[in-house]
Amino acid sequence: MKREQGSTLFLKGVVFLMGIVVLALCLFGVPGIVNELIENYPAMIYLPILIGMYGAAIPFFFALHQTLKLLSYIDKNTAFSESSVTALKNIKNCAIAISILYAAILPVLYIIAEKDDAPGLAALGLVIAFASIVIAVFAAVLQKLLRNAIDIKSENDLTI
């Protein structure tokens, strides 16, 4: 039994590490980027980036919380439950929100990339937006599979 409960320990560690990295970026990376943008661009340019990046951090941390809840359900052997489906639905919605936020700041990133001759900046925004879409699709597929597995399990429980 202890071996099963520790099976998600590595995944929980990875989730915590991802959270720490993004928190460090929010505390140290984004202010540095914005300070440089303030010196070179008007508020119309840097404010959408600031709002978009910090705005995307909120659904990201909520998705990490839902991931930890999902891993705890797996540890408790209650992975095939409505709460797991709800956690996957929340993760999917958070990934969609992140994708929309980064897609919204892509035009501003394009303006900065054109002026600074740095096309990788716009590509980075695209990568984040598309990665979020991939995560949303994957979570939606898992949600559907889990929903079907729960339905089959409940039918089997009624049969026996």
N, C-alpha and C. Protein backbone atom coordinates (compact mmCIF):
# COMPACT_ATOMS: atom_id res chain seq x y z
N MET A 1 0.82 -1.20 0.00
CA MET A 1 0.00 0.00 0.00
C MET A 1 0.87 1.26 0.00
N LYS A 2 1.94 1.27 0.79
CA LYS A 2 2.79 2.45 0.82
C LYS A 2 3.46 2.69 -0.52
N ARG A 3 3.75 1.60 -1.23
CA ARG A 3 4.37 1.75 -2.53
C ARG A 3 3.42 2.45 -3.49
N GLU A 4 2.14 2.15 -3.42
CA GLU A 4 1.17 2.79 -4.29
C GLU A 4 1.01 4.27 -3.95
N GLN A 5 1.02 4.61 -2.66
CA GLN A 5 0.85 6.00 -2.29
C GLN A 5 2.04 6.85 -2.68
N GLY A 6 3.21 6.26 -2.74
CA GLY A 6 4.40 7.01 -3.12
C GLY A 6 4.62 7.04 -4.62
N SER A 7 3.74 6.42 -5.37
CA SER A 7 3.94 6.33 -6.82
C SER A 7 3.82 7.69 -7.51
N THR A 8 3.14 8.61 -6.92
CA THR A 8 2.99 9.93 -7.53
C THR A 8 3.91 10.97 -6.88
N LEU A 9 4.79 10.53 -6.02
CA LEU A 9 5.68 11.45 -5.32
C LEU A 9 6.56 12.22 -6.31
N PHE A 10 7.10 11.52 -7.30
CA PHE A 10 7.93 12.19 -8.31
C PHE A 10 7.12 13.23 -9.07
N LEU A 11 5.90 12.88 -9.46
CA LEU A 11 5.06 13.81 -10.21
C LEU A 11 4.70 15.03 -9.36
N LYS A 12 4.42 14.80 -8.08
CA LYS A 12 4.14 15.93 -7.20
C LYS A 12 5.36 16.84 -7.08
N GLY A 13 6.55 16.24 -7.01
CA GLY A 13 7.78 17.03 -6.96
C GLY A 13 7.97 17.86 -8.21
N VAL A 14 7.66 17.28 -9.37
CA VAL A 14 7.76 18.02 -10.63
C VAL A 14 6.77 19.18 -10.65
N VAL A 15 5.56 18.94 -10.17
CA VAL A 15 4.55 20.01 -10.12
C VAL A 15 5.01 21.14 -9.21
N PHE A 16 5.55 20.80 -8.03
CA PHE A 16 6.06 21.83 -7.13
C PHE A 16 7.23 22.59 -7.77
N LEU A 17 8.11 21.87 -8.45
CA LEU A 17 9.24 22.52 -9.11
C LEU A 17 8.76 23.48 -10.19
N MET A 18 7.77 23.06 -10.97
CA MET A 18 7.20 23.95 -11.99
C MET A 18 6.62 25.20 -11.34
N GLY A 19 5.94 25.03 -10.24
CA GLY A 19 5.36 26.16 -9.54
C GLY A 19 6.42 27.12 -9.02
N ILE A 20 7.50 26.58 -8.50
CA ILE A 20 8.57 27.43 -7.97
C ILE A 20 9.24 28.20 -9.10
N VAL A 21 9.46 27.54 -10.24
CA VAL A 21 10.11 28.21 -11.38
C VAL A 21 9.23 29.35 -11.89
N VAL A 22 7.94 29.10 -12.06
CA VAL A 22 7.05 30.15 -12.57
C VAL A 22 6.89 31.26 -11.54
N LEU A 23 6.86 30.92 -10.26
CA LEU A 23 6.78 31.95 -9.23
C LEU A 23 8.04 32.83 -9.25
N ALA A 24 9.20 32.21 -9.42
CA ALA A 24 10.45 32.98 -9.51
C ALA A 24 10.43 33.88 -10.75
N LEU A 25 9.91 33.37 -11.86
CA LEU A 25 9.80 34.22 -13.05
C LEU A 25 8.85 35.39 -12.81
N CYS A 26 7.75 35.12 -12.11
CA CYS A 26 6.79 36.20 -11.82
C CYS A 26 7.40 37.25 -10.89
N LEU A 27 8.22 36.81 -9.94
CA LEU A 27 8.79 37.75 -8.98
C LEU A 27 10.02 38.47 -9.51
N PHE A 28 10.82 37.79 -10.33
CA PHE A 28 12.09 38.39 -10.75
C PHE A 28 12.19 38.62 -12.26
N GLY A 29 11.68 37.70 -13.05
CA GLY A 29 11.83 37.81 -14.50
C GLY A 29 10.94 38.84 -15.14
N VAL A 30 9.65 38.77 -14.85
CA VAL A 30 8.69 39.69 -15.47
C VAL A 30 8.97 41.15 -15.09
N PRO A 31 9.25 41.47 -13.82
CA PRO A 31 9.57 42.87 -13.52
C PRO A 31 10.80 43.37 -14.28
N GLY A 32 11.80 42.52 -14.46
CA GLY A 32 12.97 42.94 -15.22
C GLY A 32 12.64 43.20 -16.68
N ILE A 33 11.81 42.34 -17.26
CA ILE A 33 11.39 42.53 -18.65
C ILE A 33 10.59 43.82 -18.78
N VAL A 34 9.67 44.04 -17.85
CA VAL A 34 8.81 45.22 -17.92
C VAL A 34 9.62 46.49 -17.70
N ASN A 35 10.59 46.44 -16.81
CA ASN A 35 11.44 47.63 -16.60
C ASN A 35 12.17 48.01 -17.88
N GLU A 36 12.64 47.02 -18.62
CA GLU A 36 13.30 47.32 -19.89
C GLU A 36 12.31 47.84 -20.91
N LEU A 37 11.09 47.30 -20.91
CA LEU A 37 10.07 47.78 -21.84
C LEU A 37 9.64 49.20 -21.52
N ILE A 38 9.58 49.53 -20.24
CA ILE A 38 9.16 50.88 -19.83
C ILE A 38 10.14 51.92 -20.39
N GLU A 39 11.42 51.57 -20.42
CA GLU A 39 12.42 52.52 -20.92
C GLU A 39 12.31 52.76 -22.42
N ASN A 40 11.83 51.75 -23.17
CA ASN A 40 11.87 51.83 -24.63
C ASN A 40 10.52 51.95 -25.32
N TYR A 41 9.43 51.70 -24.61
CA TYR A 41 8.12 51.65 -25.26
C TYR A 41 7.09 52.40 -24.44
N PRO A 42 6.02 52.87 -25.10
CA PRO A 42 4.94 53.53 -24.35
C PRO A 42 4.12 52.51 -23.57
N ALA A 43 3.27 53.02 -22.69
CA ALA A 43 2.45 52.15 -21.83
C ALA A 43 1.52 51.26 -22.64
N MET A 44 1.15 51.70 -23.83
CA MET A 44 0.26 50.90 -24.67
C MET A 44 0.91 49.58 -25.08
N ILE A 45 2.23 49.52 -25.03
CA ILE A 45 2.95 48.32 -25.42
C ILE A 45 3.21 47.43 -24.22
N TYR A 46 3.74 47.98 -23.13
CA TYR A 46 4.15 47.11 -22.04
C TYR A 46 3.02 46.70 -21.10
N LEU A 47 1.96 47.51 -21.00
CA LEU A 47 0.86 47.14 -20.11
C LEU A 47 0.13 45.86 -20.54
N PRO A 48 -0.18 45.67 -21.82
CA PRO A 48 -0.81 44.39 -22.20
C PRO A 48 0.08 43.18 -21.91
N ILE A 49 1.39 43.34 -22.09
CA ILE A 49 2.29 42.22 -21.79
C ILE A 49 2.30 41.94 -20.30
N LEU A 50 2.38 42.98 -19.50
CA LEU A 50 2.38 42.81 -18.04
C LEU A 50 1.08 42.16 -17.57
N ILE A 51 -0.04 42.66 -18.04
CA ILE A 51 -1.34 42.11 -17.65
C ILE A 51 -1.48 40.67 -18.15
N GLY A 52 -1.06 40.42 -19.39
CA GLY A 52 -1.18 39.08 -19.95
C GLY A 52 -0.33 38.05 -19.23
N MET A 53 0.91 38.42 -18.91
CA MET A 53 1.80 37.45 -18.26
C MET A 53 1.35 37.16 -16.82
N TYR A 54 1.04 38.20 -16.07
CA TYR A 54 0.56 37.96 -14.71
C TYR A 54 -0.84 37.34 -14.72
N GLY A 55 -1.64 37.73 -15.70
CA GLY A 55 -2.97 37.13 -15.81
C GLY A 55 -2.90 35.65 -16.12
N ALA A 56 -1.92 35.24 -16.91
CA ALA A 56 -1.76 33.82 -17.24
C ALA A 56 -1.21 33.03 -16.06
N ALA A 57 -0.55 33.70 -15.14
CA ALA A 57 -0.01 33.00 -13.97
C ALA A 57 -1.13 32.50 -13.06
N ILE A 58 -2.24 33.22 -13.02
CA ILE A 58 -3.35 32.82 -12.14
C ILE A 58 -3.93 31.48 -12.57
N PRO A 59 -4.36 31.30 -13.83
CA PRO A 59 -4.86 29.97 -14.21
C PRO A 59 -3.77 28.89 -14.17
N PHE A 60 -2.50 29.29 -14.38
CA PHE A 60 -1.42 28.31 -14.30
C PHE A 60 -1.33 27.72 -12.90
N PHE A 61 -1.32 28.58 -11.89
CA PHE A 61 -1.22 28.07 -10.51
C PHE A 61 -2.48 27.31 -10.10
N PHE A 62 -3.63 27.74 -10.60
CA PHE A 62 -4.86 26.99 -10.32
C PHE A 62 -4.79 25.61 -10.96
N ALA A 63 -4.25 25.52 -12.18
CA ALA A 63 -4.10 24.23 -12.84
C ALA A 63 -3.11 23.34 -12.09
N LEU A 64 -2.05 23.93 -11.56
CA LEU A 64 -1.12 23.14 -10.74
C LEU A 64 -1.80 22.61 -9.49
N HIS A 65 -2.64 23.42 -8.88
CA HIS A 65 -3.39 22.97 -7.70
C HIS A 65 -4.33 21.81 -8.07
N GLN A 66 -4.99 21.93 -9.20
CA GLN A 66 -5.88 20.86 -9.65
C GLN A 66 -5.09 19.59 -9.97
N THR A 67 -3.89 19.76 -10.50
CA THR A 67 -3.04 18.61 -10.79
C THR A 67 -2.64 17.91 -9.50
N LEU A 68 -2.32 18.67 -8.47
CA LEU A 68 -1.99 18.06 -7.18
C LEU A 68 -3.20 17.33 -6.59
N LYS A 69 -4.38 17.92 -6.75
CA LYS A 69 -5.59 17.24 -6.29
C LYS A 69 -5.79 15.93 -7.04
N LEU A 70 -5.59 15.95 -8.35
CA LEU A 70 -5.74 14.76 -9.17
C LEU A 70 -4.74 13.68 -8.75
N LEU A 71 -3.52 14.07 -8.46
CA LEU A 71 -2.51 13.11 -8.00
C LEU A 71 -2.86 12.55 -6.63
N SER A 72 -3.47 13.37 -5.79
CA SER A 72 -3.90 12.84 -4.47
C SER A 72 -5.06 11.87 -4.64
N TYR A 73 -5.94 12.09 -5.60
CA TYR A 73 -7.01 11.13 -5.87
C TYR A 73 -6.43 9.80 -6.35
N ILE A 74 -5.38 9.88 -7.14
CA ILE A 74 -4.73 8.66 -7.61
C ILE A 74 -4.10 7.93 -6.43
N ASP A 75 -3.48 8.67 -5.51
CA ASP A 75 -2.89 8.05 -4.32
C ASP A 75 -3.94 7.37 -3.45
N LYS A 76 -5.13 7.96 -3.38
CA LYS A 76 -6.20 7.41 -2.53
C LYS A 76 -7.02 6.34 -3.24
N ASN A 77 -6.61 5.98 -4.46
CA ASN A 77 -7.33 5.00 -5.28
C ASN A 77 -8.77 5.44 -5.58
N THR A 78 -8.96 6.73 -5.70
CA THR A 78 -10.27 7.26 -6.10
C THR A 78 -10.15 8.04 -7.41
N ALA A 79 -9.27 7.55 -8.29
CA ALA A 79 -9.05 8.25 -9.55
C ALA A 79 -10.28 8.21 -10.44
N PHE A 80 -11.07 7.13 -10.34
CA PHE A 80 -12.27 7.00 -11.16
C PHE A 80 -13.45 7.56 -10.39
N SER A 81 -13.45 8.89 -10.26
CA SER A 81 -14.52 9.56 -9.53
C SER A 81 -14.87 10.87 -10.23
N GLU A 82 -15.99 11.44 -9.83
CA GLU A 82 -16.43 12.71 -10.40
C GLU A 82 -15.46 13.83 -10.08
N SER A 83 -14.81 13.76 -8.92
CA SER A 83 -13.86 14.81 -8.55
C SER A 83 -12.66 14.82 -9.50
N SER A 84 -12.25 13.66 -9.98
CA SER A 84 -11.16 13.60 -10.95
C SER A 84 -11.58 14.21 -12.29
N VAL A 85 -12.81 13.94 -12.69
CA VAL A 85 -13.33 14.52 -13.93
C VAL A 85 -13.39 16.04 -13.80
N THR A 86 -13.82 16.52 -12.64
CA THR A 86 -13.89 17.96 -12.40
C THR A 86 -12.49 18.58 -12.43
N ALA A 87 -11.51 17.91 -11.83
CA ALA A 87 -10.14 18.44 -11.84
C ALA A 87 -9.61 18.52 -13.27
N LEU A 88 -9.88 17.50 -14.08
CA LEU A 88 -9.44 17.54 -15.48
C LEU A 88 -10.15 18.65 -16.25
N LYS A 89 -11.42 18.85 -15.96
CA LYS A 89 -12.17 19.93 -16.62
C LYS A 89 -11.57 21.29 -16.26
N ASN A 90 -11.21 21.46 -14.98
CA ASN A 90 -10.60 22.72 -14.55
C ASN A 90 -9.24 22.93 -15.19
N ILE A 91 -8.44 21.86 -15.32
CA ILE A 91 -7.14 21.96 -15.97
C ILE A 91 -7.32 22.36 -17.43
N LYS A 92 -8.30 21.76 -18.09
CA LYS A 92 -8.59 22.09 -19.49
C LYS A 92 -8.97 23.57 -19.63
N ASN A 93 -9.84 24.04 -18.76
CA ASN A 93 -10.27 25.44 -18.81
C ASN A 93 -9.12 26.40 -18.54
N CYS A 94 -8.25 26.04 -17.61
CA CYS A 94 -7.09 26.89 -17.32
C CYS A 94 -6.15 26.94 -18.52
N ALA A 95 -5.94 25.82 -19.18
CA ALA A 95 -5.06 25.79 -20.35
C ALA A 95 -5.66 26.64 -21.48
N ILE A 96 -6.96 26.58 -21.64
CA ILE A 96 -7.61 27.42 -22.66
C ILE A 96 -7.45 28.90 -22.32
N ALA A 97 -7.60 29.23 -21.03
CA ALA A 97 -7.46 30.63 -20.61
C ALA A 97 -6.04 31.14 -20.86
N ILE A 98 -5.04 30.32 -20.55
CA ILE A 98 -3.65 30.71 -20.79
C ILE A 98 -3.41 30.92 -22.27
N SER A 99 -3.94 30.02 -23.08
CA SER A 99 -3.78 30.14 -24.53
C SER A 99 -4.41 31.41 -25.06
N ILE A 100 -5.58 31.74 -24.59
CA ILE A 100 -6.27 32.96 -25.02
C ILE A 100 -5.48 34.20 -24.60
N LEU A 101 -4.97 34.21 -23.38
CA LEU A 101 -4.21 35.36 -22.90
C LEU A 101 -2.94 35.57 -23.73
N TYR A 102 -2.23 34.50 -24.02
CA TYR A 102 -1.01 34.66 -24.81
C TYR A 102 -1.32 34.98 -26.26
N ALA A 103 -2.41 34.46 -26.78
CA ALA A 103 -2.81 34.82 -28.15
C ALA A 103 -3.18 36.30 -28.21
N ALA A 104 -3.75 36.82 -27.13
CA ALA A 104 -4.13 38.23 -27.10
C ALA A 104 -2.92 39.16 -27.08
N ILE A 105 -1.81 38.74 -26.49
CA ILE A 105 -0.64 39.62 -26.45
C ILE A 105 0.31 39.38 -27.62
N LEU A 106 -0.02 38.43 -28.50
CA LEU A 106 0.84 38.18 -29.66
C LEU A 106 1.04 39.40 -30.55
N PRO A 107 0.01 40.20 -30.84
CA PRO A 107 0.26 41.39 -31.67
C PRO A 107 1.26 42.37 -31.05
N VAL A 108 1.20 42.50 -29.74
CA VAL A 108 2.13 43.40 -29.05
C VAL A 108 3.54 42.81 -29.11
N LEU A 109 3.65 41.49 -28.92
CA LEU A 109 4.96 40.85 -29.03
C LEU A 109 5.53 41.00 -30.44
N TYR A 110 4.65 40.97 -31.42
CA TYR A 110 5.09 41.14 -32.81
C TYR A 110 5.66 42.55 -33.02
N ILE A 111 5.02 43.54 -32.45
CA ILE A 111 5.51 44.93 -32.57
C ILE A 111 6.90 45.05 -31.96
N ILE A 112 7.08 44.46 -30.78
CA ILE A 112 8.38 44.53 -30.11
C ILE A 112 9.42 43.74 -30.92
N ALA A 113 9.03 42.59 -31.44
CA ALA A 113 9.96 41.77 -32.23
C ALA A 113 10.39 42.50 -33.50
N GLU A 114 9.47 43.22 -34.12
CA GLU A 114 9.81 43.98 -35.32
C GLU A 114 10.79 45.11 -35.00
N LYS A 115 10.53 45.83 -33.92
CA LYS A 115 11.37 46.98 -33.58
C LYS A 115 12.76 46.53 -33.13
N ASP A 116 12.83 45.46 -32.34
CA ASP A 116 14.11 44.99 -31.82
C ASP A 116 14.79 43.98 -32.72
N ASP A 117 14.15 43.64 -33.85
CA ASP A 117 14.67 42.63 -34.78
C ASP A 117 14.94 41.32 -34.04
N ALA A 118 13.92 40.87 -33.29
CA ALA A 118 14.01 39.63 -32.50
C ALA A 118 12.79 38.76 -32.79
N PRO A 119 12.79 38.04 -33.91
CA PRO A 119 11.60 37.25 -34.26
C PRO A 119 11.31 36.11 -33.28
N GLY A 120 12.30 35.72 -32.50
CA GLY A 120 12.10 34.66 -31.52
C GLY A 120 11.11 35.04 -30.44
N LEU A 121 10.96 36.34 -30.21
CA LEU A 121 10.02 36.80 -29.19
C LEU A 121 8.59 36.46 -29.56
N ALA A 122 8.23 36.72 -30.79
CA ALA A 122 6.87 36.38 -31.25
C ALA A 122 6.69 34.87 -31.29
N ALA A 123 7.75 34.16 -31.68
CA ALA A 123 7.68 32.70 -31.72
C ALA A 123 7.50 32.12 -30.33
N LEU A 124 8.10 32.74 -29.32
CA LEU A 124 7.94 32.27 -27.94
C LEU A 124 6.49 32.38 -27.49
N GLY A 125 5.84 33.48 -27.84
CA GLY A 125 4.42 33.64 -27.51
C GLY A 125 3.57 32.59 -28.20
N LEU A 126 3.90 32.29 -29.46
CA LEU A 126 3.17 31.25 -30.19
C LEU A 126 3.37 29.88 -29.56
N VAL A 127 4.59 29.58 -29.14
CA VAL A 127 4.89 28.29 -28.53
C VAL A 127 4.08 28.11 -27.25
N ILE A 128 4.03 29.15 -26.43
CA ILE A 128 3.28 29.06 -25.17
C ILE A 128 1.79 28.88 -25.46
N ALA A 129 1.27 29.62 -26.42
CA ALA A 129 -0.15 29.50 -26.76
C ALA A 129 -0.48 28.11 -27.30
N PHE A 130 0.35 27.60 -28.21
CA PHE A 130 0.08 26.27 -28.78
C PHE A 130 0.31 25.16 -27.76
N ALA A 131 1.29 25.31 -26.87
CA ALA A 131 1.50 24.30 -25.82
C ALA A 131 0.29 24.24 -24.91
N SER A 132 -0.30 25.39 -24.61
CA SER A 132 -1.50 25.41 -23.78
C SER A 132 -2.67 24.74 -24.48
N ILE A 133 -2.77 24.94 -25.78
CA ILE A 133 -3.84 24.28 -26.53
C ILE A 133 -3.65 22.77 -26.51
N VAL A 134 -2.41 22.32 -26.67
CA VAL A 134 -2.13 20.88 -26.61
C VAL A 134 -2.51 20.31 -25.25
N ILE A 135 -2.19 21.01 -24.19
CA ILE A 135 -2.54 20.56 -22.85
C ILE A 135 -4.06 20.52 -22.69
N ALA A 136 -4.75 21.52 -23.22
CA ALA A 136 -6.21 21.55 -23.13
C ALA A 136 -6.83 20.37 -23.88
N VAL A 137 -6.32 20.07 -25.06
CA VAL A 137 -6.85 18.93 -25.83
C VAL A 137 -6.58 17.63 -25.09
N PHE A 138 -5.37 17.49 -24.57
CA PHE A 138 -5.02 16.27 -23.84
C PHE A 138 -5.90 16.11 -22.60
N ALA A 139 -6.14 17.19 -21.87
CA ALA A 139 -7.01 17.12 -20.68
C ALA A 139 -8.44 16.79 -21.08
N ALA A 140 -8.90 17.32 -22.20
CA ALA A 140 -10.26 17.02 -22.67
C ALA A 140 -10.41 15.55 -23.04
N VAL A 141 -9.38 15.01 -23.70
CA VAL A 141 -9.41 13.58 -24.05
C VAL A 141 -9.40 12.72 -22.79
N LEU A 142 -8.54 13.06 -21.84
CA LEU A 142 -8.52 12.30 -20.58
C LEU A 142 -9.83 12.43 -19.83
N GLN A 143 -10.42 13.61 -19.86
CA GLN A 143 -11.70 13.81 -19.19
C GLN A 143 -12.77 12.90 -19.80
N LYS A 144 -12.80 12.85 -21.12
CA LYS A 144 -13.78 12.00 -21.81
C LYS A 144 -13.53 10.52 -21.51
N LEU A 145 -12.28 10.09 -21.56
CA LEU A 145 -11.95 8.70 -21.25
C LEU A 145 -12.31 8.34 -19.81
N LEU A 146 -12.01 9.25 -18.91
CA LEU A 146 -12.33 9.01 -17.50
C LEU A 146 -13.84 8.95 -17.29
N ARG A 147 -14.57 9.81 -17.97
CA ARG A 147 -16.03 9.80 -17.88
C ARG A 147 -16.58 8.45 -18.37
N ASN A 148 -16.05 7.95 -19.50
CA ASN A 148 -16.49 6.64 -20.02
C ASN A 148 -16.11 5.52 -19.07
N ALA A 149 -14.92 5.58 -18.48
CA ALA A 149 -14.50 4.54 -17.54
C ALA A 149 -15.38 4.54 -16.30
N ILE A 150 -15.76 5.73 -15.84
CA ILE A 150 -16.65 5.80 -14.67
C ILE A 150 -18.02 5.22 -15.00
N ASP A 151 -18.52 5.50 -16.20
CA ASP A 151 -19.82 4.95 -16.61
C ASP A 151 -19.76 3.43 -16.70
N ILE A 152 -18.69 2.89 -17.26
CA ILE A 152 -18.54 1.43 -17.36
C ILE A 152 -18.41 0.82 -15.97
N LYS A 153 -17.66 1.49 -15.11
CA LYS A 153 -17.49 0.98 -13.73
C LYS A 153 -18.81 0.97 -12.99
N SER A 154 -19.61 2.01 -13.15
CA SER A 154 -20.90 2.04 -12.45
C SER A 154 -21.86 1.00 -13.00
N GLU A 155 -21.80 0.74 -14.31
CA GLU A 155 -22.63 -0.33 -14.89
C GLU A 155 -22.20 -1.69 -14.36
N ASN A 156 -20.89 -1.90 -14.23
CA ASN A 156 -20.39 -3.17 -13.70
C ASN A 156 -20.76 -3.32 -12.22
N ASP A 157 -20.71 -2.25 -11.47
CA ASP A 157 -21.08 -2.32 -10.06
C ASP A 157 -22.56 -2.66 -9.89
N LEU A 158 -23.40 -2.17 -10.79
CA LEU A 158 -24.83 -2.48 -10.72
C LEU A 158 -25.12 -3.92 -11.15
N THR A 159 -24.28 -4.45 -12.05
CA THR A 159 -24.50 -5.81 -12.55
C THR A 159 -24.17 -6.84 -11.47
N ILE A 160 -23.15 -6.61 -10.71
CA ILE A 160 -22.70 -7.59 -9.71
C ILE A 160 -23.51 -7.50 -8.49
